[in-house]
């Protein structure tokens, strides 16, 4: 007898299970569906706007890349032309026998007196050192300048020490 009761109980459970499986009862609120549908439409509008923005950005970036390529080409051509002009200038200078470089001014150095140079706009330690026949390192040592020191117009630099 207990087996019969268990069998009937299982039959009832199976029938309830299949009934709930195959019957379609809509427990979804129609207002909730409308709200979801509206949100989906809003999301689609935002997506379309994002696609349009992306497309415009792609067009702009391609145009920008084209302009940059043109500028780079012009710079390369200018650089090449300048390199050729420098090479020709060196060839002409060598042909004239002046391969010693630019003339350096004679620095009158009274015996025992210090010589100074006032930095002018656009001058560098290199240009000043070349002018007086010194190395940049010698100029730095004379003036206690660190390797990353910056010189300014009006600054007085020691060119030679008093002896």
C-alpha atoms as a PDB file:
ATOM      1  CA  UNK A   1       0.000   0.000   0.000  1.00  0.00           C
ATOM      2  CA  UNK A   2       2.697   2.545   0.698  1.00  0.00           C
ATOM      3  CA  UNK A   3       4.012   1.943  -2.831  1.00  0.00           C
ATOM      4  CA  UNK A   4       0.640   2.770  -4.328  1.00  0.00           C
ATOM      5  CA  UNK A   5       0.491   6.064  -2.396  1.00  0.00           C
ATOM      6  CA  UNK A   6       4.001   6.950  -3.505  1.00  0.00           C
ATOM      7  CA  UNK A   7       3.145   6.094  -7.118  1.00  0.00           C
ATOM      8  CA  UNK A   8      -0.019   8.226  -7.043  1.00  0.00           C
ATOM      9  CA  UNK A   9       1.960  11.104  -5.483  1.00  0.00           C
ATOM     10  CA  UNK A  10       4.606  10.901  -8.218  1.00  0.00           C
ATOM     11  CA  UNK A  11       1.910  10.847 -10.896  1.00  0.00           C
ATOM     12  CA  UNK A  12       0.335  13.972  -9.437  1.00  0.00           C
ATOM     13  CA  UNK A  13       3.690  15.766  -9.284  1.00  0.00           C
ATOM     14  CA  UNK A  14       4.524  14.837 -12.869  1.00  0.00           C
ATOM     15  CA  UNK A  15       1.135  15.991 -14.123  1.00  0.00           C
ATOM     16  CA  UNK A  16       1.499  19.329 -12.301  1.00  0.00           C
ATOM     17  CA  UNK A  17       4.979  19.748 -13.719  1.00  0.00           C
ATOM     18  CA  UNK A  18       3.886  19.126 -17.318  1.00  0.00           C
ATOM     19  CA  UNK A  19       0.812  21.305 -16.921  1.00  0.00           C
ATOM     20  CA  UNK A  20       2.905  24.234 -15.677  1.00  0.00           C
ATOM     21  CA  UNK A  21       5.384  23.625 -18.472  1.00  0.00           C
ATOM     22  CA  UNK A  22       2.883  23.716 -21.319  1.00  0.00           C
ATOM     23  CA  UNK A  23       0.421  26.293 -20.118  1.00  0.00           C
ATOM     24  CA  UNK A  24       1.327  29.876 -20.981  1.00  0.00           C
ATOM     25  CA  UNK A  25       0.284  32.247 -18.365  1.00  0.00           C
ATOM     26  CA  UNK A  26       1.625  35.733 -18.919  1.00  0.00           C
ATOM     27  CA  UNK A  27       2.858  37.062 -15.628  1.00  0.00           C
ATOM     28  CA  UNK A  28       4.565  39.997 -17.397  1.00  0.00           C
ATOM     29  CA  UNK A  29       3.029  43.377 -16.866  1.00  0.00           C
ATOM     30  CA  UNK A  30       2.173  45.107 -20.197  1.00  0.00           C
ATOM     31  CA  UNK A  31       3.326  48.466 -18.754  1.00  0.00           C
ATOM     32  CA  UNK A  32       6.713  46.974 -17.906  1.00  0.00           C
ATOM     33  CA  UNK A  33       7.008  45.681 -21.485  1.00  0.00           C
ATOM     34  CA  UNK A  34       6.243  49.162 -22.852  1.00  0.00           C
ATOM     35  CA  UNK A  35       8.863  50.702 -20.578  1.00  0.00           C
ATOM     36  CA  UNK A  36      11.452  48.142 -21.704  1.00  0.00           C
ATOM     37  CA  UNK A  37      10.542  48.730 -25.346  1.00  0.00           C
ATOM     38  CA  UNK A  38      10.983  52.485 -24.885  1.00  0.00           C
ATOM     39  CA  UNK A  39      14.391  52.016 -23.267  1.00  0.00           C
ATOM     40  CA  UNK A  40      15.491  49.756 -26.128  1.00  0.00           C
ATOM     41  CA  UNK A  41      14.451  52.478 -28.609  1.00  0.00           C
ATOM     42  CA  UNK A  42      16.391  55.104 -26.659  1.00  0.00           C
ATOM     43  CA  UNK A  43      19.453  52.864 -26.600  1.00  0.00           C
ATOM     44  CA  UNK A  44      19.170  52.358 -30.366  1.00  0.00           C
ATOM     45  CA  UNK A  45      19.034  56.147 -30.887  1.00  0.00           C
ATOM     46  CA  UNK A  46      22.122  56.613 -28.721  1.00  0.00           C
ATOM     47  CA  UNK A  47      23.901  53.841 -30.597  1.00  0.00           C
ATOM     48  CA  UNK A  48      23.062  55.471 -33.949  1.00  0.00           C
ATOM     49  CA  UNK A  49      24.348  58.823 -32.677  1.00  0.00           C
ATOM     50  CA  UNK A  50      27.562  57.162 -31.458  1.00  0.00           C
ATOM     51  CA  UNK A  51      28.045  55.512 -34.863  1.00  0.00           C
ATOM     52  CA  UNK A  52      27.586  58.872 -36.612  1.00  0.00           C
ATOM     53  CA  UNK A  53      30.115  60.512 -34.280  1.00  0.00           C
ATOM     54  CA  UNK A  54      32.596  57.705 -34.833  1.00  0.00           C
ATOM     55  CA  UNK A  55      32.187  57.985 -38.589  1.00  0.00           C
ATOM     56  CA  UNK A  56      32.831  61.741 -38.439  1.00  0.00           C
ATOM     57  CA  UNK A  57      35.895  61.204 -36.256  1.00  0.00           C
ATOM     58  CA  UNK A  58      37.256  58.651 -38.730  1.00  0.00           C
ATOM     59  CA  UNK A  59      36.837  61.156 -41.578  1.00  0.00           C
ATOM     60  CA  UNK A  60      38.591  63.883 -39.583  1.00  0.00           C
ATOM     61  CA  UNK A  61      41.463  61.622 -38.553  1.00  0.00           C
ATOM     62  CA  UNK A  62      42.020  60.533 -42.163  1.00  0.00           C
ATOM     63  CA  UNK A  63      42.059  64.171 -43.282  1.00  0.00           C
ATOM     64  CA  UNK A  64      44.472  65.043 -40.456  1.00  0.00           C
ATOM     65  CA  UNK A  65      46.749  62.120 -41.348  1.00  0.00           C
ATOM     66  CA  UNK A  66      46.769  63.314 -44.957  1.00  0.00           C
ATOM     67  CA  UNK A  67      47.749  66.846 -43.938  1.00  0.00           C
ATOM     68  CA  UNK A  68      50.481  65.525 -41.649  1.00  0.00           C
ATOM     69  CA  UNK A  69      51.851  63.302 -44.423  1.00  0.00           C
ATOM     70  CA  UNK A  70      52.019  66.334 -46.731  1.00  0.00           C
ATOM     71  CA  UNK A  71      53.844  68.366 -44.083  1.00  0.00           C
ATOM     72  CA  UNK A  72      56.290  65.548 -43.421  1.00  0.00           C
ATOM     73  CA  UNK A  73      56.977  65.247 -47.143  1.00  0.00           C
ATOM     74  CA  UNK A  74      57.641  68.996 -47.364  1.00  0.00           C
ATOM     75  CA  UNK A  75      59.927  68.870 -44.312  1.00  0.00           C
ATOM     76  CA  UNK A  76      61.857  65.936 -45.750  1.00  0.00           C
ATOM     77  CA  UNK A  77      62.271  67.781 -49.053  1.00  0.00           C
ATOM     78  CA  UNK A  78      63.458  70.909 -47.249  1.00  0.00           C
ATOM     79  CA  UNK A  79      65.830  68.886 -45.093  1.00  0.00           C
ATOM     80  CA  UNK A  80      67.240  67.156 -48.149  1.00  0.00           C
ATOM     81  CA  UNK A  81      67.684  70.495 -49.948  1.00  0.00           C
ATOM     82  CA  UNK A  82      69.424  71.989 -46.912  1.00  0.00           C
ATOM     83  CA  UNK A  83      71.712  68.971 -46.596  1.00  0.00           C
ATOM     84  CA  UNK A  84      72.689  69.340 -50.250  1.00  0.00           C
ATOM     85  CA  UNK A  85      73.292  73.071 -49.818  1.00  0.00           C
ATOM     86  CA  UNK A  86      75.504  72.427 -46.790  1.00  0.00           C
ATOM     87  CA  UNK A  87      77.445  69.760 -48.694  1.00  0.00           C
ATOM     88  CA  UNK A  88      77.910  72.119 -51.638  1.00  0.00           C
ATOM     89  CA  UNK A  89      78.997  74.902 -49.293  1.00  0.00           C
ATOM     90  CA  UNK A  90      81.575  72.611 -47.691  1.00  0.00           C
ATOM     91  CA  UNK A  91      82.790  71.525 -51.109  1.00  0.00           C
ATOM     92  CA  UNK A  92      83.212  75.136 -52.186  1.00  0.00           C
ATOM     93  CA  UNK A  93      84.981  76.024 -48.915  1.00  0.00           C
ATOM     94  CA  UNK A  94      87.317  73.057 -49.270  1.00  0.00           C
ATOM     95  CA  UNK A  95      88.020  73.941 -52.882  1.00  0.00           C
ATOM     96  CA  UNK A  96      88.984  77.467 -51.803  1.00  0.00           C
ATOM     97  CA  UNK A  97      91.286  75.992 -49.171  1.00  0.00           C
ATOM     98  CA  UNK A  98      89.392  77.313 -46.193  1.00  0.00           C
ATOM     99  CA  UNK A  99      88.640  74.078 -44.432  1.00  0.00           C
ATOM    100  CA  UNK A 100      89.859  75.491 -41.145  1.00  0.00           C
ATOM    101  CA  UNK A 101      86.338  76.632 -40.296  1.00  0.00           C
ATOM    102  CA  UNK A 102      85.097  80.079 -39.378  1.00  0.00           C
ATOM    103  CA  UNK A 103      87.610  82.658 -38.286  1.00  0.00           C
ATOM    104  CA  UNK A 104      87.932  83.243 -34.610  1.00  0.00           C
ATOM    105  CA  UNK A 105      88.488  86.728 -33.293  1.00  0.00           C
ATOM    106  CA  UNK A 106      91.775  87.409 -31.679  1.00  0.00           C
ATOM    107  CA  UNK A 107      91.297  87.850 -27.982  1.00  0.00           C
ATOM    108  CA  UNK A 108      93.643  90.362 -26.515  1.00  0.00           C
ATOM    109  CA  UNK A 109      94.694  88.966 -23.223  1.00  0.00           C
ATOM    110  CA  UNK A 110      96.754  91.273 -21.152  1.00  0.00           C
ATOM    111  CA  UNK A 111      99.111  89.246 -19.077  1.00  0.00           C
ATOM    112  CA  UNK A 112      97.594  88.363 -15.764  1.00  0.00           C
ATOM    113  CA  UNK A 113      94.134  89.852 -16.516  1.00  0.00           C
ATOM    114  CA  UNK A 114      90.891  87.910 -16.628  1.00  0.00           C
ATOM    115  CA  UNK A 115      88.928  88.029 -19.870  1.00  0.00           C
ATOM    116  CA  UNK A 116      85.119  87.978 -19.783  1.00  0.00           C
ATOM    117  CA  UNK A 117      82.392  87.651 -22.396  1.00  0.00           C
ATOM    118  CA  UNK A 118      78.871  89.020 -22.074  1.00  0.00           C
ATOM    119  CA  UNK A 119      76.331  86.481 -23.359  1.00  0.00           C
ATOM    120  CA  UNK A 120      74.204  87.848 -26.197  1.00  0.00           C
ATOM    121  CA  UNK A 121      70.748  86.567 -27.249  1.00  0.00           C
ATOM    122  CA  UNK A 122      71.012  83.355 -29.257  1.00  0.00           C
ATOM    123  CA  UNK A 123      74.507  82.461 -28.085  1.00  0.00           C
ATOM    124  CA  UNK A 124      75.278  79.041 -26.681  1.00  0.00           C
ATOM    125  CA  UNK A 125      78.211  77.672 -24.725  1.00  0.00           C
ATOM    126  CA  UNK A 126      79.276  75.920 -27.908  1.00  0.00           C
ATOM    127  CA  UNK A 127      79.236  79.078 -30.037  1.00  0.00           C
ATOM    128  CA  UNK A 128      81.097  81.048 -27.358  1.00  0.00           C
ATOM    129  CA  UNK A 129      83.672  78.294 -26.874  1.00  0.00           C
ATOM    130  CA  UNK A 130      84.275  78.148 -30.645  1.00  0.00           C
ATOM    131  CA  UNK A 131      84.659  81.928 -30.791  1.00  0.00           C
ATOM    132  CA  UNK A 132      87.448  81.915 -28.196  1.00  0.00           C
ATOM    133  CA  UNK A 133      89.087  78.636 -29.183  1.00  0.00           C
ATOM    134  CA  UNK A 134      88.012  76.747 -26.059  1.00  0.00           C
ATOM    135  CA  UNK A 135      86.170  73.513 -25.566  1.00  0.00           C
ATOM    136  CA  UNK A 136      82.731  73.615 -23.990  1.00  0.00           C
ATOM    137  CA  UNK A 137      84.124  71.656 -21.060  1.00  0.00           C
ATOM    138  CA  UNK A 138      86.904  74.233 -20.498  1.00  0.00           C
ATOM    139  CA  UNK A 139      84.312  77.024 -20.568  1.00  0.00           C
ATOM    140  CA  UNK A 140      82.169  75.124 -18.065  1.00  0.00           C
ATOM    141  CA  UNK A 141      85.118  74.595 -15.699  1.00  0.00           C
ATOM    142  CA  UNK A 142      86.174  78.238 -15.869  1.00  0.00           C
ATOM    143  CA  UNK A 143      82.657  79.329 -14.888  1.00  0.00           C
ATOM    144  CA  UNK A 144      81.742  76.457 -12.532  1.00  0.00           C
ATOM    145  CA  UNK A 145      78.765  75.500 -14.729  1.00  0.00           C
ATOM    146  CA  UNK A 146      76.991  72.173 -14.376  1.00  0.00           C
ATOM    147  CA  UNK A 147      76.401  70.127 -17.580  1.00  0.00           C
ATOM    148  CA  UNK A 148      72.725  71.097 -17.540  1.00  0.00           C
ATOM    149  CA  UNK A 149      73.325  74.778 -16.703  1.00  0.00           C
ATOM    150  CA  UNK A 150      71.529  77.373 -18.805  1.00  0.00           C
ATOM    151  CA  UNK A 151      73.197  80.627 -19.814  1.00  0.00           C
ATOM    152  CA  UNK A 152      71.215  83.828 -20.266  1.00  0.00           C
ATOM    153  CA  UNK A 153      71.757  87.053 -22.250  1.00  0.00           C
ATOM    154  CA  UNK A 154      73.677  89.591 -20.174  1.00  0.00           C
ATOM    155  CA  UNK A 155      75.454  86.914 -18.150  1.00  0.00           C
ATOM    156  CA  UNK A 156      79.220  87.422 -17.799  1.00  0.00           C
ATOM    157  CA  UNK A 157      81.320  84.366 -18.609  1.00  0.00           C
ATOM    158  CA  UNK A 158      84.987  84.039 -17.721  1.00  0.00           C
ATOM    159  CA  UNK A 159      87.063  83.254 -20.808  1.00  0.00           C
ATOM    160  CA  UNK A 160      90.479  83.165 -19.180  1.00  0.00           C
ATOM    161  CA  UNK A 161      91.718  83.379 -15.636  1.00  0.00           C
ATOM    162  CA  UNK A 162      94.176  85.864 -14.221  1.00  0.00           C
ATOM    163  CA  UNK A 163      97.658  84.453 -13.910  1.00  0.00           C
END
